[in-house]
Each structure stands twice: as structure tokens, then as C-alpha cells.
Amino acid sequence: MRAVLERYVIGAHLNFNIDMKELGSLKPDSSMQGFWEFRSGLPVEQTRLFGFFGRPGAFVATSFQPRGNFGGMSDPAWKAVRQDGEKHWNDLFGEKEYIKMPWPVSAIPSFLR
């Protein structure tokens, strides 16, 4: 996870759908619109850092969990972590909107670099 976040912070290349993705963007699910995960890979246990983009280039993390906490995308745990993230966002920023467009995302938009 640290390596992925370091690449993000310095503006290095991130591989969409390997390093990060907007949940629900591959098989469009509007209930996940605007909710992102940064992904760690092997050789250690995979982890996920969830959150929202408050403005271009500004990611606000709302949860960090092991990948093993989640089954397939139909697992209710995905919706629960999304709802929890929305609550954290609202606690921090109230009515301020996070970035929801463009959607669905098919490649890393320039604002992610």
C-alpha cells in the first residue's frame, strides 16, 4: 500500500484496476459512484484504502481494510464500507460534494495524477 500511495503522491504512473479503481465503474453500479479504492498487492496480505476525491488530486481516505473482508462485488460488505465512507465524509465535510464525474471511469483521468 505504501508503494502505491508514494507513486500517487509524487504523480508517478498508477495502473487503473490494479493500483486503484472507482468501485462500480467496470460494471456500472451508481451506488458506488465517486467511491474509490487504492489496492495493495502481493506478496503480503492485500489491503484496500477506501475514500473519495474532494477535488482534483485530493484523495480523502475513509477506511482501510484487508481484502479478505470482502467477497465478490455482490457481497454486502462492499455496500457497507461505502455507506460507512459516506458517513465519514459527511462528518468531515457536511454538504460538500466529492468528485463523481466522469463516470463510469474507464482510464485514469488526468486529475488523478
N, C-alpha and C. Protein backbone atom coordinates (compact mmCIF):
# COMPACT_ATOMS: atom_id res chain seq x y z
N MET A 1 0.82 -1.18 0.00
CA MET A 1 0.00 0.00 0.00
C MET A 1 0.87 1.25 0.00
N ARG A 2 1.94 1.20 0.78
CA ARG A 2 2.81 2.37 0.85
C ARG A 2 3.38 2.72 -0.53
N ALA A 3 3.80 1.71 -1.26
CA ALA A 3 4.37 1.95 -2.59
C ALA A 3 3.35 2.58 -3.52
N VAL A 4 2.12 2.11 -3.48
CA VAL A 4 1.06 2.67 -4.33
C VAL A 4 0.82 4.13 -3.96
N LEU A 5 0.71 4.41 -2.66
CA LEU A 5 0.45 5.78 -2.23
C LEU A 5 1.62 6.71 -2.53
N GLU A 6 2.85 6.20 -2.42
CA GLU A 6 4.01 7.03 -2.76
C GLU A 6 3.98 7.40 -4.24
N ARG A 7 3.62 6.44 -5.11
CA ARG A 7 3.52 6.74 -6.54
C ARG A 7 2.44 7.78 -6.79
N TYR A 8 1.32 7.67 -6.09
CA TYR A 8 0.24 8.64 -6.24
C TYR A 8 0.70 10.04 -5.81
N VAL A 9 1.34 10.13 -4.64
CA VAL A 9 1.74 11.42 -4.09
C VAL A 9 2.74 12.14 -4.99
N ILE A 10 3.67 11.41 -5.57
CA ILE A 10 4.68 12.08 -6.41
C ILE A 10 4.21 12.23 -7.86
N GLY A 11 3.03 11.73 -8.17
CA GLY A 11 2.50 11.87 -9.52
C GLY A 11 3.03 10.87 -10.51
N ALA A 12 3.54 9.74 -10.01
CA ALA A 12 4.04 8.69 -10.90
C ALA A 12 2.85 7.90 -11.48
N HIS A 13 3.15 7.00 -12.40
CA HIS A 13 2.12 6.21 -13.08
C HIS A 13 1.40 5.29 -12.11
N LEU A 14 0.07 5.27 -12.19
CA LEU A 14 -0.75 4.31 -11.47
C LEU A 14 -1.53 3.50 -12.49
N ASN A 15 -1.62 2.22 -12.26
CA ASN A 15 -2.32 1.33 -13.18
C ASN A 15 -3.77 1.19 -12.74
N PHE A 16 -4.67 1.76 -13.54
CA PHE A 16 -6.09 1.68 -13.25
C PHE A 16 -6.53 0.22 -13.23
N ASN A 17 -7.29 -0.16 -12.24
CA ASN A 17 -7.80 -1.50 -11.97
C ASN A 17 -6.77 -2.43 -11.34
N ILE A 18 -5.52 -2.00 -11.19
CA ILE A 18 -4.55 -2.77 -10.42
C ILE A 18 -4.19 -2.00 -9.16
N ASP A 19 -3.77 -0.74 -9.32
CA ASP A 19 -3.40 0.08 -8.18
C ASP A 19 -4.59 0.78 -7.55
N MET A 20 -5.57 1.13 -8.36
CA MET A 20 -6.74 1.84 -7.85
C MET A 20 -7.88 1.70 -8.83
N LYS A 21 -9.09 1.94 -8.34
CA LYS A 21 -10.24 1.98 -9.23
C LYS A 21 -11.42 2.61 -8.50
N GLU A 22 -12.34 3.13 -9.29
CA GLU A 22 -13.59 3.60 -8.73
C GLU A 22 -14.52 2.38 -8.67
N LEU A 23 -14.98 2.05 -7.49
CA LEU A 23 -15.84 0.88 -7.35
C LEU A 23 -17.11 1.07 -8.17
N GLY A 24 -17.51 0.03 -8.84
CA GLY A 24 -18.73 0.09 -9.65
C GLY A 24 -18.54 0.68 -11.02
N SER A 25 -17.30 0.99 -11.42
CA SER A 25 -17.11 1.61 -12.73
C SER A 25 -16.94 0.59 -13.85
N LEU A 26 -16.50 -0.60 -13.54
CA LEU A 26 -16.35 -1.62 -14.59
C LEU A 26 -17.69 -2.18 -15.03
N LYS A 27 -18.50 -2.55 -14.05
CA LYS A 27 -19.88 -2.96 -14.31
C LYS A 27 -20.71 -1.88 -13.63
N PRO A 28 -21.11 -0.86 -14.37
CA PRO A 28 -21.66 0.34 -13.76
C PRO A 28 -22.70 0.08 -12.67
N ASP A 29 -22.38 0.58 -11.49
CA ASP A 29 -23.23 0.49 -10.31
C ASP A 29 -23.23 1.87 -9.68
N SER A 30 -24.28 2.64 -9.91
CA SER A 30 -24.29 4.04 -9.47
C SER A 30 -24.24 4.19 -7.96
N SER A 31 -24.53 3.13 -7.20
CA SER A 31 -24.44 3.24 -5.74
C SER A 31 -23.00 3.38 -5.28
N MET A 32 -22.04 3.09 -6.16
CA MET A 32 -20.62 3.20 -5.81
C MET A 32 -19.97 4.43 -6.47
N GLN A 33 -20.72 5.19 -7.23
CA GLN A 33 -20.17 6.33 -7.97
C GLN A 33 -19.42 7.28 -7.05
N GLY A 34 -18.18 7.60 -7.42
CA GLY A 34 -17.36 8.53 -6.65
C GLY A 34 -16.58 7.89 -5.52
N PHE A 35 -16.76 6.59 -5.27
CA PHE A 35 -16.09 5.89 -4.16
C PHE A 35 -14.92 5.09 -4.72
N TRP A 36 -13.73 5.35 -4.22
CA TRP A 36 -12.50 4.77 -4.77
C TRP A 36 -11.81 3.85 -3.80
N GLU A 37 -11.04 2.92 -4.36
CA GLU A 37 -10.15 2.09 -3.54
C GLU A 37 -8.75 2.14 -4.13
N PHE A 38 -7.77 2.31 -3.26
CA PHE A 38 -6.36 2.09 -3.61
C PHE A 38 -6.08 0.66 -3.17
N ARG A 39 -5.34 -0.10 -4.00
CA ARG A 39 -5.16 -1.53 -3.76
C ARG A 39 -3.70 -1.87 -3.54
N SER A 40 -3.44 -2.63 -2.50
CA SER A 40 -2.10 -3.19 -2.33
C SER A 40 -2.10 -4.56 -3.00
N GLY A 41 -0.93 -5.06 -3.32
CA GLY A 41 -0.83 -6.36 -3.96
C GLY A 41 -0.05 -7.34 -3.13
N LEU A 42 0.33 -8.40 -3.76
CA LEU A 42 1.13 -9.44 -3.12
C LEU A 42 2.55 -8.92 -2.96
N PRO A 43 3.42 -9.47 -2.17
CA PRO A 43 3.35 -10.79 -1.55
C PRO A 43 2.69 -10.80 -0.17
N VAL A 44 2.40 -9.66 0.44
CA VAL A 44 1.74 -9.66 1.75
C VAL A 44 0.23 -9.66 1.54
N GLU A 45 -0.50 -9.77 2.64
CA GLU A 45 -1.96 -9.75 2.53
C GLU A 45 -2.42 -8.48 1.81
N GLN A 46 -3.29 -8.64 0.87
CA GLN A 46 -3.79 -7.49 0.13
C GLN A 46 -4.66 -6.62 1.03
N THR A 47 -4.55 -5.30 0.85
CA THR A 47 -5.35 -4.36 1.61
C THR A 47 -6.03 -3.38 0.67
N ARG A 48 -7.01 -2.68 1.21
CA ARG A 48 -7.75 -1.68 0.44
C ARG A 48 -7.88 -0.41 1.28
N LEU A 49 -7.58 0.71 0.64
CA LEU A 49 -7.77 2.03 1.23
C LEU A 49 -8.91 2.68 0.47
N PHE A 50 -10.00 2.95 1.16
CA PHE A 50 -11.21 3.47 0.52
C PHE A 50 -11.36 4.96 0.79
N GLY A 51 -12.00 5.66 -0.14
CA GLY A 51 -12.29 7.07 0.09
C GLY A 51 -12.80 7.77 -1.15
N PHE A 52 -12.73 9.09 -1.11
CA PHE A 52 -13.30 9.96 -2.14
C PHE A 52 -12.29 11.01 -2.55
N PHE A 53 -12.46 11.55 -3.75
CA PHE A 53 -11.67 12.70 -4.19
C PHE A 53 -12.49 13.95 -3.88
N GLY A 54 -11.95 14.82 -3.02
CA GLY A 54 -12.63 16.05 -2.66
C GLY A 54 -12.50 17.11 -3.74
N ARG A 55 -11.41 17.07 -4.44
CA ARG A 55 -11.13 17.95 -5.58
C ARG A 55 -10.07 17.25 -6.40
N PRO A 56 -9.78 17.72 -7.59
CA PRO A 56 -8.77 17.03 -8.41
C PRO A 56 -7.45 16.87 -7.67
N GLY A 57 -7.01 15.62 -7.57
CA GLY A 57 -5.74 15.30 -6.93
C GLY A 57 -5.77 15.19 -5.43
N ALA A 58 -6.91 15.44 -4.79
CA ALA A 58 -7.00 15.41 -3.32
C ALA A 58 -7.88 14.24 -2.88
N PHE A 59 -7.23 13.15 -2.48
CA PHE A 59 -7.93 11.95 -2.03
C PHE A 59 -8.13 12.01 -0.52
N VAL A 60 -9.34 11.72 -0.06
CA VAL A 60 -9.66 11.68 1.36
C VAL A 60 -10.00 10.25 1.72
N ALA A 61 -9.12 9.59 2.49
CA ALA A 61 -9.34 8.20 2.88
C ALA A 61 -10.37 8.13 4.01
N THR A 62 -11.27 7.16 3.91
CA THR A 62 -12.29 6.98 4.94
C THR A 62 -12.25 5.61 5.61
N SER A 63 -11.48 4.67 5.04
CA SER A 63 -11.40 3.33 5.63
C SER A 63 -10.20 2.58 5.06
N PHE A 64 -9.63 1.70 5.86
CA PHE A 64 -8.51 0.85 5.45
C PHE A 64 -8.80 -0.54 5.97
N GLN A 65 -8.86 -1.54 5.06
CA GLN A 65 -9.25 -2.88 5.47
C GLN A 65 -8.52 -3.94 4.67
N PRO A 66 -8.38 -5.15 5.24
CA PRO A 66 -7.83 -6.26 4.47
C PRO A 66 -8.80 -6.66 3.36
N ARG A 67 -8.26 -7.07 2.22
CA ARG A 67 -9.10 -7.51 1.10
C ARG A 67 -9.93 -8.72 1.48
N GLY A 68 -9.43 -9.52 2.39
CA GLY A 68 -10.14 -10.71 2.83
C GLY A 68 -11.47 -10.45 3.50
N ASN A 69 -11.75 -9.20 3.86
CA ASN A 69 -13.04 -8.85 4.47
C ASN A 69 -14.17 -8.83 3.46
N PHE A 70 -13.84 -8.97 2.16
CA PHE A 70 -14.83 -8.80 1.11
C PHE A 70 -14.84 -10.00 0.18
N GLY A 71 -16.04 -10.42 -0.19
CA GLY A 71 -16.19 -11.45 -1.20
C GLY A 71 -16.29 -10.80 -2.57
N GLY A 72 -17.08 -11.38 -3.44
CA GLY A 72 -17.31 -10.80 -4.76
C GLY A 72 -18.06 -9.48 -4.64
N MET A 73 -18.23 -8.79 -5.78
CA MET A 73 -18.86 -7.47 -5.73
C MET A 73 -20.31 -7.52 -5.27
N SER A 74 -20.93 -8.69 -5.25
CA SER A 74 -22.30 -8.79 -4.73
C SER A 74 -22.32 -8.92 -3.21
N ASP A 75 -21.15 -9.08 -2.59
CA ASP A 75 -21.05 -9.18 -1.13
C ASP A 75 -21.54 -7.86 -0.50
N PRO A 76 -22.47 -7.93 0.45
CA PRO A 76 -22.98 -6.71 1.08
C PRO A 76 -21.90 -5.89 1.81
N ALA A 77 -20.75 -6.49 2.07
CA ALA A 77 -19.67 -5.77 2.76
C ALA A 77 -19.20 -4.57 1.94
N TRP A 78 -19.25 -4.66 0.60
CA TRP A 78 -18.85 -3.53 -0.25
C TRP A 78 -19.78 -2.35 -0.03
N LYS A 79 -21.09 -2.61 -0.01
CA LYS A 79 -22.06 -1.53 0.21
C LYS A 79 -21.92 -0.95 1.62
N ALA A 80 -21.63 -1.81 2.59
CA ALA A 80 -21.47 -1.35 3.97
C ALA A 80 -20.26 -0.42 4.10
N VAL A 81 -19.13 -0.78 3.48
CA VAL A 81 -17.95 0.08 3.56
C VAL A 81 -18.20 1.38 2.80
N ARG A 82 -18.98 1.33 1.74
CA ARG A 82 -19.35 2.55 1.01
C ARG A 82 -20.22 3.46 1.87
N GLN A 83 -21.22 2.91 2.54
CA GLN A 83 -22.09 3.69 3.40
C GLN A 83 -21.33 4.28 4.59
N ASP A 84 -20.42 3.50 5.14
CA ASP A 84 -19.59 3.98 6.24
C ASP A 84 -18.68 5.13 5.76
N GLY A 85 -18.13 4.99 4.54
CA GLY A 85 -17.30 6.04 3.97
C GLY A 85 -18.09 7.33 3.77
N GLU A 86 -19.32 7.20 3.30
CA GLU A 86 -20.18 8.38 3.11
C GLU A 86 -20.44 9.07 4.45
N LYS A 87 -20.65 8.27 5.50
CA LYS A 87 -20.87 8.85 6.83
C LYS A 87 -19.63 9.62 7.29
N HIS A 88 -18.45 9.02 7.11
CA HIS A 88 -17.21 9.71 7.49
C HIS A 88 -17.04 11.00 6.70
N TRP A 89 -17.32 10.94 5.39
CA TRP A 89 -17.21 12.13 4.55
C TRP A 89 -18.13 13.24 5.10
N ASN A 90 -19.38 12.88 5.36
CA ASN A 90 -20.35 13.87 5.85
C ASN A 90 -19.96 14.42 7.22
N ASP A 91 -19.39 13.58 8.08
CA ASP A 91 -18.91 14.06 9.39
C ASP A 91 -17.80 15.09 9.21
N LEU A 92 -16.95 14.87 8.22
CA LEU A 92 -15.82 15.78 7.98
C LEU A 92 -16.22 17.03 7.22
N PHE A 93 -17.05 16.88 6.18
CA PHE A 93 -17.27 17.97 5.24
C PHE A 93 -18.73 18.41 5.09
N GLY A 94 -19.63 17.78 5.78
CA GLY A 94 -21.03 18.17 5.69
C GLY A 94 -21.57 18.05 4.28
N GLU A 95 -22.07 19.15 3.74
CA GLU A 95 -22.73 19.15 2.44
C GLU A 95 -21.78 19.20 1.25
N LYS A 96 -20.48 19.37 1.47
CA LYS A 96 -19.53 19.47 0.35
C LYS A 96 -19.54 18.17 -0.45
N GLU A 97 -19.67 18.31 -1.76
CA GLU A 97 -19.70 17.15 -2.65
C GLU A 97 -18.29 16.65 -2.95
N TYR A 98 -18.13 15.35 -3.13
CA TYR A 98 -16.90 14.76 -3.64
C TYR A 98 -17.06 14.61 -5.15
N ILE A 99 -15.97 14.33 -5.83
CA ILE A 99 -16.00 14.22 -7.29
C ILE A 99 -16.71 12.93 -7.71
N LYS A 100 -17.68 13.07 -8.59
CA LYS A 100 -18.44 11.91 -9.08
C LYS A 100 -18.34 11.74 -10.59
N MET A 101 -17.73 12.69 -11.26
CA MET A 101 -17.65 12.63 -12.72
C MET A 101 -16.20 12.74 -13.16
N PRO A 102 -15.76 12.18 -14.25
CA PRO A 102 -16.57 11.42 -15.21
C PRO A 102 -16.91 10.04 -14.66
N TRP A 103 -18.00 9.49 -15.09
CA TRP A 103 -18.43 8.18 -14.63
C TRP A 103 -19.25 7.50 -15.72
N PRO A 104 -19.11 6.20 -15.95
CA PRO A 104 -18.10 5.34 -15.31
C PRO A 104 -16.70 5.63 -15.83
N VAL A 105 -15.73 5.41 -14.98
CA VAL A 105 -14.33 5.68 -15.32
C VAL A 105 -13.77 4.47 -16.06
N SER A 106 -13.10 4.71 -17.18
CA SER A 106 -12.52 3.60 -17.93
C SER A 106 -11.01 3.69 -18.01
N ALA A 107 -10.45 4.83 -17.63
CA ALA A 107 -9.00 5.02 -17.60
C ALA A 107 -8.70 6.10 -16.56
N ILE A 108 -7.45 6.21 -16.17
CA ILE A 108 -7.13 7.19 -15.14
C ILE A 108 -7.27 8.59 -15.70
N PRO A 109 -8.22 9.37 -15.20
CA PRO A 109 -8.34 10.75 -15.66
C PRO A 109 -7.13 11.57 -15.22
N SER A 110 -6.86 12.65 -15.92
CA SER A 110 -5.69 13.46 -15.61
C SER A 110 -5.73 14.02 -14.21
N PHE A 111 -6.92 14.19 -13.62
CA PHE A 111 -6.96 14.77 -12.27
C PHE A 111 -6.45 13.80 -11.19
N LEU A 112 -6.24 12.55 -11.53
CA LEU A 112 -5.72 11.60 -10.55
C LEU A 112 -4.21 11.64 -10.44
N ARG A 113 -3.54 12.33 -11.34
CA ARG A 113 -2.09 12.37 -11.31
C ARG A 113 -1.59 13.54 -10.53
